[in-house]
């Protein structure tokens, strides 16, 4: 069946389905003479990627709405009832996006309709607190309504397992199979809110878990005594970018003794439109524009920003000229690894089987830093769910002790209280490190240069191309197949020495549509379709004897590879 025919059939089914409300049908009637729009909304069902279910808000099977949320939750409920212990439960959290509270409540009502207790936060919370709460409440699963740092028109639905980690492929496949069994919205079981509350199947979470979560985060602090001593001479500027991090990040900083935290007023409160930024993404320098202005006013030592669901953190520090320098995710990760492992070694508390975990597209600099302290580094596929999976494995087998996990896309975790990246603890750790090093007369930029001098000048870059809609999906597929079937022999004047096609299930890892090419000079690049956005991403990494050499090598590598990608 062609996608056009499938889309038209689904479109008519929605218009004729008695379970669909009148407002949704009116929205669909308005596009009756727009076949391309109908096709884009209905040519497929939203798919689980690295971040679960995610899409543009609106009516249609390829959109996020009350019906696709309800259908997904019905499938999840069937999975939970098939696999869980007696008296099953699920924890639900949400962020500041459009319809997040409504989607969270809808999920809770469907769970209740299936006899599953739903614990729901009464207001927005950071995603990592959901991960913590699943573990703390010994729940069978968790749901977060969020689209992370996507544009305002998006929302999403992340699913977590009983260990507090996002579902990994073999689990997600089971949930997807159950969702596939829900043929009609009339098949969705749902309790009314009042009835669910009366039956004890919808419970609203108070602040007790907030206290427990914050205690777990601040327990990882290493030098709060130094921070308190520096309190009068250490200033932080923070922007939550209109998201869920505001209260939690400020509480964590206060708990370790940071007294001078200046929050960007214009970006402090939740705003589903993210009105002050083009993109609410701390990976992008533009997101820090207002924060940098405030930092110059108050002479801040460090700027931190968190994304809407507060699982990613970006940092900005002063360079040698006193100008604010935006750290990459790889650079922040290397600094935090050095600070964490160095402090543990200084205390004689570095475990014998400690391990750092990173993704295959993350810089090797963090691994070099870890090796300096005698700590091994493991690689996983892209997506923090795989890091969380290894953490749970180590918790069971005791074969290693997790110390730090991170990915180049600004996601970090220290401590074992959660199974997802946590911008709250990352904000706390990098600010603590900045205060600690300031007590020694240096800033984080200078610490970074010391790491380069010790380990080599690692330099990375990410290029991405956005390709929306059905045509974009096909174009991304074609690019990947072209590189797969016609791999380069040499790039940038260097022979390709290794080709890794992770779709083949390399190194015991799950299969994933990722291609990685390593060159004779140990530089590498990697092609990967995004699991959460309509993009193809290309990652690049080089290592040079100097900053200039690394920069020149990276520029040449990027130019040659992207000229082929853009053909």
Protein backbone atom coordinates (compact mmCIF):
# COMPACT_ATOMS: atom_id res chain seq x y z
CA UNK A 1 0.00 0.00 0.00
CA UNK A 2 1.38 3.45 -0.91
CA UNK A 3 1.84 6.02 1.81
CA UNK A 4 -0.68 8.29 0.07
CA UNK A 5 -3.41 5.62 0.16
CA UNK A 6 -2.56 4.66 3.73
CA UNK A 7 -2.74 8.31 4.78
CA UNK A 8 -6.12 8.87 3.15
CA UNK A 9 -7.53 5.71 4.75
CA UNK A 10 -6.34 6.73 8.20
CA UNK A 11 -7.61 10.27 7.65
CA UNK A 12 -11.10 8.96 6.91
CA UNK A 13 -10.98 6.57 9.86
CA UNK A 14 -10.26 9.49 12.20
CA UNK A 15 -13.09 11.53 10.71
CA UNK A 16 -15.52 8.65 11.17
CA UNK A 17 -14.32 7.40 14.56
CA UNK A 18 -16.94 8.07 17.23
CA UNK A 19 -14.19 8.16 19.85
CA UNK A 20 -12.62 11.27 18.25
CA UNK A 21 -13.93 14.60 19.58
CA UNK A 22 -15.52 17.30 17.43
CA UNK A 23 -12.68 19.83 17.78
CA UNK A 24 -10.16 17.32 16.44
CA UNK A 25 -12.42 16.44 13.53
CA UNK A 26 -12.85 20.13 12.72
CA UNK A 27 -9.07 20.53 12.64
CA UNK A 28 -8.88 17.65 10.17
CA UNK A 29 -11.71 18.96 7.98
CA UNK A 30 -9.73 22.16 7.49
CA UNK A 31 -7.03 20.22 5.60
CA UNK A 32 -9.42 18.22 3.41
CA UNK A 33 -8.06 19.88 0.25
CA UNK A 34 -4.40 19.57 1.30
CA UNK A 35 -3.26 16.05 0.26
CA UNK A 36 0.39 16.66 1.20
CA UNK A 37 -0.60 17.78 4.69
CA UNK A 38 -2.90 14.77 5.09
CA UNK A 39 -0.10 12.47 3.95
CA UNK A 40 2.40 13.97 6.38
CA UNK A 41 -0.03 13.64 9.30
CA UNK A 42 -1.17 10.09 8.52
CA UNK A 43 1.40 8.24 6.40
CA UNK A 44 2.80 6.49 9.49
CA UNK A 45 2.43 6.13 13.25
CA UNK A 46 4.87 8.02 15.43
CA UNK A 47 7.83 5.74 16.16
CA UNK A 48 9.93 5.20 19.27
CA UNK A 49 13.44 6.62 18.80
CA UNK A 50 16.27 7.48 21.19
CA UNK A 51 13.81 9.67 23.11
CA UNK A 52 10.63 7.60 22.83
CA UNK A 53 7.57 9.00 21.05
CA UNK A 54 8.04 12.55 19.76
CA UNK A 55 6.31 14.71 17.18
CA UNK A 56 4.55 17.91 16.21
CA UNK A 57 1.40 18.63 18.22
CA UNK A 58 -1.76 18.19 16.16
CA UNK A 59 -4.33 15.73 14.85
CA UNK A 60 -3.08 12.63 13.06
CA UNK A 61 -1.27 9.32 13.57
CA UNK A 62 2.06 11.03 12.85
CA UNK A 63 1.37 13.75 15.43
CA UNK A 64 1.35 13.93 19.21
CA UNK A 65 -2.16 14.45 20.60
CA UNK A 66 -4.51 13.08 23.25
CA UNK A 67 -5.33 10.09 21.07
CA UNK A 68 -1.80 9.04 20.19
CA UNK A 69 -0.87 9.51 23.85
CA UNK A 70 -3.86 7.42 24.93
CA UNK A 71 -3.09 4.68 22.40
CA UNK A 72 0.57 4.55 23.45
CA UNK A 73 -0.47 4.40 27.10
CA UNK A 74 -2.92 1.58 26.43
CA UNK A 75 -0.06 -0.37 24.87
CA UNK A 76 2.21 0.45 27.78
CA UNK A 77 -0.51 -0.60 30.24
CA UNK A 78 -0.84 -3.98 28.51
CA UNK A 79 2.95 -4.39 28.67
CA UNK A 80 3.02 -3.50 32.37
CA UNK A 81 0.15 -5.83 33.22
CA UNK A 82 1.88 -8.64 31.32
CA UNK A 83 5.28 -8.19 32.94
CA UNK A 84 4.85 -6.51 36.31
CA UNK A 85 4.33 -7.77 39.79
CA UNK A 86 0.96 -7.50 41.50
CA UNK A 87 -0.37 -4.00 42.25
CA UNK A 88 1.49 -2.37 39.33
CA UNK A 89 2.27 1.35 39.29
CA UNK A 90 3.67 3.99 36.94
CA UNK A 91 5.11 7.43 37.73
CA UNK A 92 4.32 10.37 35.43
CA UNK A 93 6.12 13.72 35.10
CA UNK A 94 5.95 16.51 32.56
CA UNK A 95 7.67 19.73 31.51
CA UNK A 96 6.59 23.20 30.40
CA UNK A 97 5.51 22.42 26.83
CA UNK A 98 2.11 22.94 25.24
CA UNK A 99 -0.43 20.38 26.51
CA UNK A 100 2.10 18.60 28.74
CA UNK A 101 -0.25 18.61 31.80
CA UNK A 102 -3.17 17.43 29.64
CA UNK A 103 -1.16 14.61 28.10
CA UNK A 104 0.11 13.56 31.56
CA UNK A 105 -3.43 13.42 32.94
CA UNK A 106 -4.69 11.49 29.91
CA UNK A 107 -1.93 8.90 30.41
CA UNK A 108 -2.88 8.61 34.08
CA UNK A 109 -6.56 8.06 33.26
CA UNK A 110 -5.70 5.31 30.77
CA UNK A 111 -3.42 3.59 33.27
CA UNK A 112 -6.19 3.77 35.86
CA UNK A 113 -8.60 2.29 33.33
CA UNK A 114 -6.27 -0.69 33.13
CA UNK A 115 -6.05 -1.11 36.92
CA UNK A 116 -2.59 0.47 37.19
CA UNK A 117 -1.84 3.06 39.86
CA UNK A 118 -0.51 6.33 38.44
CA UNK A 119 1.67 8.59 40.58
CA UNK A 120 1.57 12.03 38.96
CA UNK A 121 3.56 15.13 39.83
CA UNK A 122 1.30 18.11 40.41
CA UNK A 123 3.52 20.49 38.45
CA UNK A 124 6.48 20.34 36.10
CA UNK A 125 9.61 18.48 37.24
CA UNK A 126 13.02 17.71 35.74
CA UNK A 127 13.12 14.48 33.76
CA UNK A 128 15.89 13.00 35.95
CA UNK A 129 13.64 13.35 39.00
CA UNK A 130 11.19 11.03 37.23
CA UNK A 131 13.99 8.50 36.78
CA UNK A 132 14.83 8.81 40.47
CA UNK A 133 11.17 8.57 41.49
CA UNK A 134 10.52 5.34 39.56
CA UNK A 135 13.31 3.78 41.60
CA UNK A 136 12.29 5.40 44.89
CA UNK A 137 8.65 4.30 44.56
CA UNK A 138 9.62 0.88 43.18
CA UNK A 139 7.28 1.51 40.27
CA UNK A 140 7.05 -0.70 37.21
CA UNK A 141 7.48 2.08 34.68
CA UNK A 142 7.64 5.82 34.21
CA UNK A 143 6.41 8.36 31.67
CA UNK A 144 7.72 11.85 30.97
CA UNK A 145 5.78 14.18 28.72
CA UNK A 146 8.48 16.24 27.01
CA UNK A 147 10.15 16.95 23.68
CA UNK A 148 13.41 17.98 25.35
CA UNK A 149 14.95 20.88 23.39
CA UNK A 150 12.82 20.56 20.24
CA UNK A 151 10.98 23.63 18.89
CA UNK A 152 7.74 24.77 20.61
CA UNK A 153 5.42 22.95 18.20
CA UNK A 154 6.73 19.57 19.44
CA UNK A 155 5.89 17.41 22.41
CA UNK A 156 6.71 13.83 23.27
CA UNK A 157 6.30 10.77 25.45
CA UNK A 158 9.31 9.06 27.03
CA UNK A 159 8.87 5.67 28.65
CA UNK A 160 11.04 4.34 31.47
CA UNK A 161 11.47 0.85 32.85
CA UNK A 162 11.41 -0.30 36.47
CA UNK A 163 15.13 0.47 36.86
CA UNK A 164 14.48 4.15 36.09
CA UNK A 165 16.13 4.01 32.66
CA UNK A 166 14.55 4.75 29.32
CA UNK A 167 13.37 1.64 27.53
CA UNK A 168 16.09 -0.09 25.53
CA UNK A 169 15.22 -1.69 22.17
CA UNK A 170 14.15 -5.14 23.34
CA UNK A 171 11.78 -3.54 25.86
CA UNK A 172 10.54 -0.89 23.44
CA UNK A 173 9.75 -3.58 20.86
CA UNK A 174 7.43 -5.29 23.34
CA UNK A 175 5.64 -2.01 24.10
CA UNK A 176 5.38 -1.18 20.39
CA UNK A 177 3.89 -4.63 19.76
CA UNK A 178 1.25 -3.97 22.41
CA UNK A 179 0.51 -0.53 20.96
CA UNK A 180 0.03 -2.21 17.57
CA UNK A 181 -2.76 -4.32 19.06
CA UNK A 182 -4.78 -1.17 19.82
CA UNK A 183 -6.66 -0.98 16.52
CA UNK A 184 -9.25 1.60 17.54
CA UNK A 185 -9.41 4.39 20.07
CA UNK A 186 -12.55 2.69 21.33
CA UNK A 187 -10.20 -0.07 22.55
CA UNK A 188 -8.53 2.35 24.96
CA UNK A 189 -9.66 1.81 28.56
CA UNK A 190 -10.00 5.03 30.54
CA UNK A 191 -11.20 6.09 33.97
CA UNK A 192 -12.61 9.51 34.71
CA UNK A 193 -10.29 11.58 36.88
CA UNK A 194 -12.61 11.67 39.90
CA UNK A 195 -13.24 7.93 39.76
CA UNK A 196 -9.53 7.17 39.42
CA UNK A 197 -8.75 9.36 42.43
CA UNK A 198 -11.54 7.76 44.46
CA UNK A 199 -10.22 4.27 43.69
CA UNK A 200 -6.68 5.22 44.65
CA UNK A 201 -5.50 4.69 41.08
CA UNK A 202 -4.52 8.34 40.56
CA UNK A 203 -2.26 9.72 43.26
CA UNK A 204 -0.76 13.21 43.15
CA UNK A 205 2.86 13.37 44.31
CA UNK A 206 3.72 15.96 46.93
CA UNK A 207 7.13 17.39 47.74
CA UNK A 208 8.50 14.38 49.65
CA UNK A 209 10.20 13.02 46.53
CA UNK A 210 11.65 16.47 45.79
CA UNK A 211 13.44 16.33 49.13
CA UNK A 212 14.70 12.79 48.57
CA UNK A 213 15.88 13.58 45.05
CA UNK A 214 17.75 16.69 46.17
CA UNK A 215 19.40 14.75 48.97
CA UNK A 216 20.63 12.17 46.44
CA UNK A 217 21.98 14.86 44.10
CA UNK A 218 23.87 16.83 46.73
CA UNK A 219 25.34 13.65 48.24
CA UNK A 220 27.65 13.55 45.20
CA UNK A 221 29.20 16.91 46.14
CA UNK A 222 32.95 16.69 46.77
CA UNK A 223 34.08 20.12 47.97
CA UNK A 224 31.09 21.97 49.39
CA UNK A 225 33.37 23.23 52.17
CA UNK A 226 35.50 25.04 49.60
CA UNK A 227 32.40 26.37 47.85
CA UNK A 228 31.13 27.86 51.12
CA UNK A 229 34.50 29.50 51.73
CA UNK A 230 34.37 31.00 48.23
CA UNK A 231 30.71 32.02 48.54
CA UNK A 232 31.32 35.75 48.76
CA UNK A 233 33.59 35.75 45.71
CA UNK A 234 31.89 33.29 43.36
CA UNK A 235 29.02 34.25 41.06
CA UNK A 236 26.81 32.09 38.84
CA UNK A 237 24.37 33.15 36.15
CA UNK A 238 21.69 30.58 35.41
CA UNK A 239 19.00 30.30 32.74
CA UNK A 240 16.38 27.53 32.84
CA UNK A 241 15.35 28.54 29.28
CA UNK A 242 11.69 28.67 30.33
CA UNK A 243 11.78 25.02 31.43
CA UNK A 244 11.57 22.70 34.42
CA UNK A 245 15.01 23.27 35.96
CA UNK A 246 14.58 26.55 37.80
CA UNK A 247 13.71 25.41 41.31
CA UNK A 248 15.78 22.22 41.37
CA UNK A 249 19.02 23.69 40.00
CA UNK A 250 18.86 26.65 42.37
CA UNK A 251 18.15 24.35 45.31
CA UNK A 252 21.14 22.12 44.47
CA UNK A 253 23.47 25.11 44.20
CA UNK A 254 22.18 26.53 47.47
CA UNK A 255 22.68 23.20 49.21
CA UNK A 256 26.40 23.11 48.36
CA UNK A 257 26.94 26.72 49.42
CA UNK A 258 26.63 28.76 46.22
CA UNK A 259 24.95 31.92 47.50
CA UNK A 260 25.26 34.24 44.48
CA UNK A 261 23.06 32.79 41.75
CA UNK A 262 21.69 35.33 39.28
CA UNK A 263 18.78 33.94 37.26
CA UNK A 264 17.94 35.42 33.87
CA UNK A 265 14.59 37.06 34.65
CA UNK A 266 13.24 36.89 31.11
CA UNK A 267 13.81 33.11 30.97
CA UNK A 268 13.01 32.11 34.55
CA UNK A 269 9.33 31.21 34.30
CA UNK A 270 7.85 28.36 32.24
CA UNK A 271 6.87 29.43 28.73
CA UNK A 272 5.69 26.83 26.23
CA UNK A 273 6.58 29.14 23.33
CA UNK A 274 10.18 29.67 24.56
CA UNK A 275 9.63 33.26 23.53
CA UNK A 276 13.13 34.62 24.12
CA UNK A 277 15.10 32.03 22.13
CA UNK A 278 15.11 30.61 18.64
CA UNK A 279 15.70 27.17 20.18
CA UNK A 280 15.62 26.25 23.91
CA UNK A 281 18.81 24.24 23.50
CA UNK A 282 21.91 24.80 25.67
CA UNK A 283 23.96 23.20 22.89
CA UNK A 284 23.49 26.43 20.91
CA UNK A 285 25.40 29.60 21.77
CA UNK A 286 22.42 31.79 20.85
CA UNK A 287 20.46 30.35 23.76
CA UNK A 288 22.91 32.08 26.13
CA UNK A 289 22.57 35.59 24.65
CA UNK A 290 20.58 37.05 27.54
CA UNK A 291 22.60 35.11 30.11
CA UNK A 292 25.84 36.55 28.74
CA UNK A 293 24.51 40.09 29.05
CA UNK A 294 23.62 39.46 32.69
CA UNK A 295 26.96 37.73 33.30
CA UNK A 296 28.85 40.81 32.13
CA UNK A 297 26.76 42.98 34.44
CA UNK A 298 27.47 40.89 37.55
CA UNK A 299 30.96 39.65 36.50
CA UNK A 300 29.89 36.00 36.73
CA UNK A 301 32.49 33.25 36.98
CA UNK A 302 30.29 30.78 35.10
CA UNK A 303 27.02 30.69 33.18
CA UNK A 304 24.88 27.55 33.15
CA UNK A 305 21.75 26.77 31.16
CA UNK A 306 19.38 23.80 31.18
CA UNK A 307 16.94 22.64 28.52
CA UNK A 308 13.13 22.50 28.98
CA UNK A 309 13.01 19.11 30.75
CA UNK A 310 16.31 19.77 32.56
CA UNK A 311 18.27 16.74 31.47
CA UNK A 312 20.88 18.67 29.44
CA UNK A 313 23.24 21.34 30.75
CA UNK A 314 25.45 23.82 28.92
CA UNK A 315 28.17 25.94 30.51
CA UNK A 316 29.96 29.17 29.58
CA UNK A 317 33.21 30.28 31.23
CA UNK A 318 35.70 33.14 30.93
CA UNK A 319 38.66 32.71 28.61
CA UNK A 320 42.13 34.24 29.02
CA UNK A 321 40.86 37.57 27.72
CA UNK A 322 37.94 37.71 30.13
CA UNK A 323 35.44 36.98 27.35
CA UNK A 324 32.77 34.34 27.78
CA UNK A 325 33.62 31.05 26.08
CA UNK A 326 30.93 28.41 25.43
CA UNK A 327 32.10 24.94 26.40
CA UNK A 328 31.08 22.03 24.20
CA UNK A 329 29.46 18.99 25.73
CA UNK A 330 32.71 17.10 25.24
CA UNK A 331 34.74 19.80 26.97
CA UNK A 332 32.37 20.06 29.95
CA UNK A 333 32.43 16.27 30.25
CA UNK A 334 36.22 16.11 30.28
CA UNK A 335 36.42 18.85 32.92
CA UNK A 336 33.88 17.12 35.17
CA UNK A 337 35.60 13.74 34.77
CA UNK A 338 38.94 15.26 35.73
CA UNK A 339 37.42 17.07 38.71
CA UNK A 340 35.49 14.03 39.93
CA UNK A 341 38.24 11.44 39.51
CA UNK A 342 40.97 13.81 40.70
CA UNK A 343 39.02 14.64 43.86
CA UNK A 344 38.29 10.98 44.58
CA UNK A 345 41.95 10.09 44.09
CA UNK A 346 42.99 12.94 46.37
CA UNK A 347 40.76 11.45 49.06
CA UNK A 348 41.96 7.92 48.44
CA UNK A 349 38.38 7.04 47.48
CA UNK A 350 38.85 6.06 43.83
CA UNK A 351 37.39 2.54 43.51
CA UNK A 352 39.49 -0.22 41.93
CA UNK A 353 36.81 -1.13 39.39
CA UNK A 354 35.50 2.35 38.71
CA UNK A 355 34.23 3.02 35.21
CA UNK A 356 33.25 5.96 33.00
CA UNK A 357 30.64 5.31 30.30
CA UNK A 358 30.23 7.38 27.15
CA UNK A 359 28.64 7.03 23.71
CA UNK A 360 30.35 6.10 20.45
CA UNK A 361 29.97 9.66 19.11
CA UNK A 362 31.48 11.28 22.20
CA UNK A 363 35.05 12.59 22.25
CA UNK A 364 37.89 10.29 23.28
CA UNK A 365 39.27 13.07 25.47
CA UNK A 366 37.19 11.96 28.45
CA UNK A 367 38.56 8.43 28.03
CA UNK A 368 42.11 9.84 28.01
CA UNK A 369 41.40 11.77 31.21
CA UNK A 370 39.92 8.68 32.87
CA UNK A 371 42.90 6.55 31.82
CA UNK A 372 45.19 9.10 33.49
CA UNK A 373 43.56 8.09 36.78
CA UNK A 374 43.59 4.38 35.96
CA UNK A 375 39.84 4.28 35.23
CA UNK A 376 38.38 2.35 32.30
CA UNK A 377 35.94 3.83 29.80
CA UNK A 378 33.13 1.89 28.11
CA UNK A 379 31.34 2.91 24.91
CA UNK A 380 27.63 2.53 24.25
CA UNK A 381 25.35 3.44 21.39
CA UNK A 382 23.94 6.95 21.25
CA UNK A 383 21.23 7.58 23.81
CA UNK A 384 21.57 7.75 27.58
CA UNK A 385 19.30 4.73 27.90
CA UNK A 386 22.28 2.55 26.99
CA UNK A 387 24.40 4.14 29.71
CA UNK A 388 21.58 3.52 32.17
CA UNK A 389 21.36 -0.09 31.02
CA UNK A 390 25.06 -0.64 31.79
CA UNK A 391 24.60 0.99 35.20
CA UNK A 392 21.83 -1.45 36.06
CA UNK A 393 23.98 -4.33 34.84
CA UNK A 394 26.84 -3.26 37.13
CA UNK A 395 24.43 -2.81 40.02
CA UNK A 396 23.47 -6.45 39.63
CA UNK A 397 26.81 -8.08 38.76
CA UNK A 398 29.12 -5.85 40.84
CA UNK A 399 31.69 -6.25 38.05
CA UNK A 400 32.33 -2.51 37.99
CA UNK A 401 31.34 0.66 39.82
CA UNK A 402 29.78 3.44 37.80
CA UNK A 403 31.41 6.82 38.36
CA UNK A 404 30.34 9.08 35.52
CA UNK A 405 28.35 8.83 32.30
CA UNK A 406 28.06 11.37 29.53
CA UNK A 407 27.36 12.08 25.89
CA UNK A 408 28.53 14.90 23.64
CA UNK A 409 24.98 16.30 23.48
CA UNK A 410 25.31 17.86 26.95
CA UNK A 411 23.98 14.95 29.00
CA UNK A 412 25.79 13.93 32.22
CA UNK A 413 25.27 11.82 35.32
CA UNK A 414 27.35 11.15 38.42
CA UNK A 415 26.07 8.91 41.20
CA UNK A 416 23.72 5.93 40.89
CA UNK A 417 20.45 7.44 42.16
CA UNK A 418 19.00 7.75 38.63
CA UNK A 419 19.34 6.13 35.22
CA UNK A 420 19.12 9.17 32.98
CA UNK A 421 21.17 12.26 32.29
CA UNK A 422 20.67 14.94 34.89
CA UNK A 423 21.21 18.66 34.31
CA UNK A 424 20.67 19.33 38.01
CA UNK A 425 23.70 17.36 39.14
CA UNK A 426 25.69 18.52 36.11
CA UNK A 427 24.96 22.15 37.05
CA UNK A 428 25.98 21.45 40.62
CA UNK A 429 29.20 19.63 39.71
CA UNK A 430 30.48 22.10 37.15
CA UNK A 431 29.75 25.08 39.42
CA UNK A 432 31.43 23.30 42.31
CA UNK A 433 34.45 22.60 40.10
CA UNK A 434 34.56 26.26 39.03
CA UNK A 435 34.51 27.43 42.66
CA UNK A 436 37.11 24.83 43.67
CA UNK A 437 39.54 25.83 40.93
CA UNK A 438 38.92 29.52 41.59
CA UNK A 439 40.13 28.90 45.15
CA UNK A 440 43.38 27.75 43.48
CA UNK A 441 43.59 30.87 41.31
CA UNK A 442 42.37 29.53 37.97
CA UNK A 443 39.15 29.24 35.97
CA UNK A 444 37.66 26.35 34.02
CA UNK A 445 39.02 27.62 30.71
CA UNK A 446 42.52 27.38 32.13
CA UNK A 447 41.75 23.91 33.49
CA UNK A 448 40.65 22.90 29.99
CA UNK A 449 43.92 24.15 28.48
CA UNK A 450 45.85 22.13 31.07
CA UNK A 451 43.93 19.03 29.99
CA UNK A 452 44.80 19.73 26.36
CA UNK A 453 48.47 20.13 27.25
CA UNK A 454 48.39 16.82 29.11
CA UNK A 455 46.32 14.70 26.74
CA UNK A 456 46.48 16.37 23.33
CA UNK A 457 44.23 18.87 21.58
CA UNK A 458 40.97 17.04 20.98
CA UNK A 459 38.52 18.95 18.83
CA UNK A 460 35.04 17.94 17.74
CA UNK A 461 32.22 19.31 15.63
CA UNK A 462 28.64 18.34 14.87
CA UNK A 463 26.97 19.12 11.57
CA UNK A 464 23.29 18.40 11.03
CA UNK A 465 20.88 18.72 8.16
CA UNK A 466 17.15 19.08 8.81
CA UNK A 467 14.92 17.18 6.38
CA UNK A 468 11.28 17.36 7.38
CA UNK A 469 8.31 15.24 6.43
CA UNK A 470 8.05 12.05 4.39
CA UNK A 471 10.43 13.34 1.71
CA UNK A 472 12.99 14.13 4.37
CA UNK A 473 12.79 10.61 5.80
CA UNK A 474 13.45 9.18 2.34
CA UNK A 475 16.35 11.54 1.70
CA UNK A 476 18.05 10.65 5.00
CA UNK A 477 17.61 6.96 4.18
CA UNK A 478 19.19 7.50 0.77
CA UNK A 479 22.21 9.31 2.23
CA UNK A 480 22.88 6.50 4.68
CA UNK A 481 22.55 3.82 2.02
CA UNK A 482 24.86 5.68 -0.34
CA UNK A 483 27.62 5.90 2.29
CA UNK A 484 27.01 2.30 3.29
CA UNK A 485 27.22 0.90 -0.23
CA UNK A 486 30.05 3.18 -1.39
CA UNK A 487 32.36 3.74 1.63
CA UNK A 488 35.24 6.19 1.07
CA UNK A 489 38.78 4.85 0.64
CA UNK A 490 40.40 8.03 1.92
CA UNK A 491 39.22 11.32 3.38
CA UNK A 492 41.14 14.50 4.05
CA UNK A 493 44.31 12.96 2.62
CA UNK A 494 44.22 10.07 5.09
CA UNK A 495 43.32 6.45 4.39
CA UNK A 496 40.13 5.11 5.95
CA UNK A 497 41.44 2.37 8.26
CA UNK A 498 38.19 1.23 9.86
CA UNK A 499 34.53 1.21 8.82
CA UNK A 500 32.02 0.37 11.55
CA UNK A 501 28.42 -0.26 10.55
CA UNK A 502 26.50 -0.49 13.79
CA UNK A 503 23.45 -1.75 11.91
CA UNK A 504 25.35 -5.08 11.96
CA UNK A 505 25.23 -5.28 15.77
CA UNK A 506 28.92 -4.72 16.50
CA UNK A 507 30.64 -5.45 19.82
CA UNK A 508 27.58 -7.05 21.31
CA UNK A 509 25.66 -3.76 21.04
CA UNK A 510 22.09 -3.56 19.73
CA UNK A 511 21.72 -2.74 16.04
CA UNK A 512 21.49 0.93 15.16
CA UNK A 513 21.62 2.81 11.86
CA UNK A 514 25.02 4.43 12.45
CA UNK A 515 28.16 4.49 10.29
CA UNK A 516 31.56 5.39 11.76
CA UNK A 517 34.76 5.88 9.77
CA UNK A 518 38.20 6.05 11.39
CA UNK A 519 41.17 7.48 9.48
CA UNK A 520 44.89 6.73 9.61
CA UNK A 521 45.56 9.82 11.76
CA UNK A 522 43.00 8.58 14.37
CA UNK A 523 40.47 11.24 13.38
CA UNK A 524 36.96 9.94 12.80
CA UNK A 525 33.51 10.90 11.62
CA UNK A 526 30.13 9.31 12.12
CA UNK A 527 26.80 9.52 10.28
CA UNK A 528 23.63 9.02 12.28
CA UNK A 529 19.96 9.82 11.63
CA UNK A 530 18.48 11.49 14.71
CA UNK A 531 16.01 9.42 16.68
CA UNK A 532 14.10 12.46 17.93
CA UNK A 533 14.26 15.10 15.19
CA UNK A 534 13.96 15.13 11.37
CA UNK A 535 17.72 15.40 10.98
CA UNK A 536 20.79 13.54 9.87
CA UNK A 537 23.73 14.23 12.16
CA UNK A 538 27.40 13.99 11.24
CA UNK A 539 29.93 13.91 14.09
CA UNK A 540 33.61 14.77 13.60
CA UNK A 541 36.64 14.40 15.89
CA UNK A 542 40.38 15.05 15.54
CA UNK A 543 43.36 15.14 17.86
CA UNK A 544 46.30 17.47 17.20
CA UNK A 545 49.58 18.50 18.76
CA UNK A 546 48.33 22.08 19.00
CA UNK A 547 45.07 23.98 18.87
CA UNK A 548 45.91 25.38 15.43
CA UNK A 549 46.80 21.95 14.02
CA UNK A 550 43.62 20.40 15.38
CA UNK A 551 41.50 23.26 14.06
CA UNK A 552 42.98 23.02 10.56
CA UNK A 553 42.56 19.24 10.45
CA UNK A 554 38.95 19.46 11.64
CA UNK A 555 38.02 22.15 9.14
CA UNK A 556 39.42 20.13 6.25
CA UNK A 557 37.71 16.92 7.42
CA UNK A 558 34.31 18.61 7.82
CA UNK A 559 34.51 20.32 4.43
CA UNK A 560 35.30 17.13 2.53
CA UNK A 561 32.71 14.93 4.23
CA UNK A 562 29.88 17.46 4.13
CA UNK A 563 30.48 18.21 0.46
CA UNK A 564 29.51 14.59 -0.20
CA UNK A 565 26.60 14.58 2.28
CA UNK A 566 25.15 17.71 0.63
CA UNK A 567 25.33 16.39 -2.93
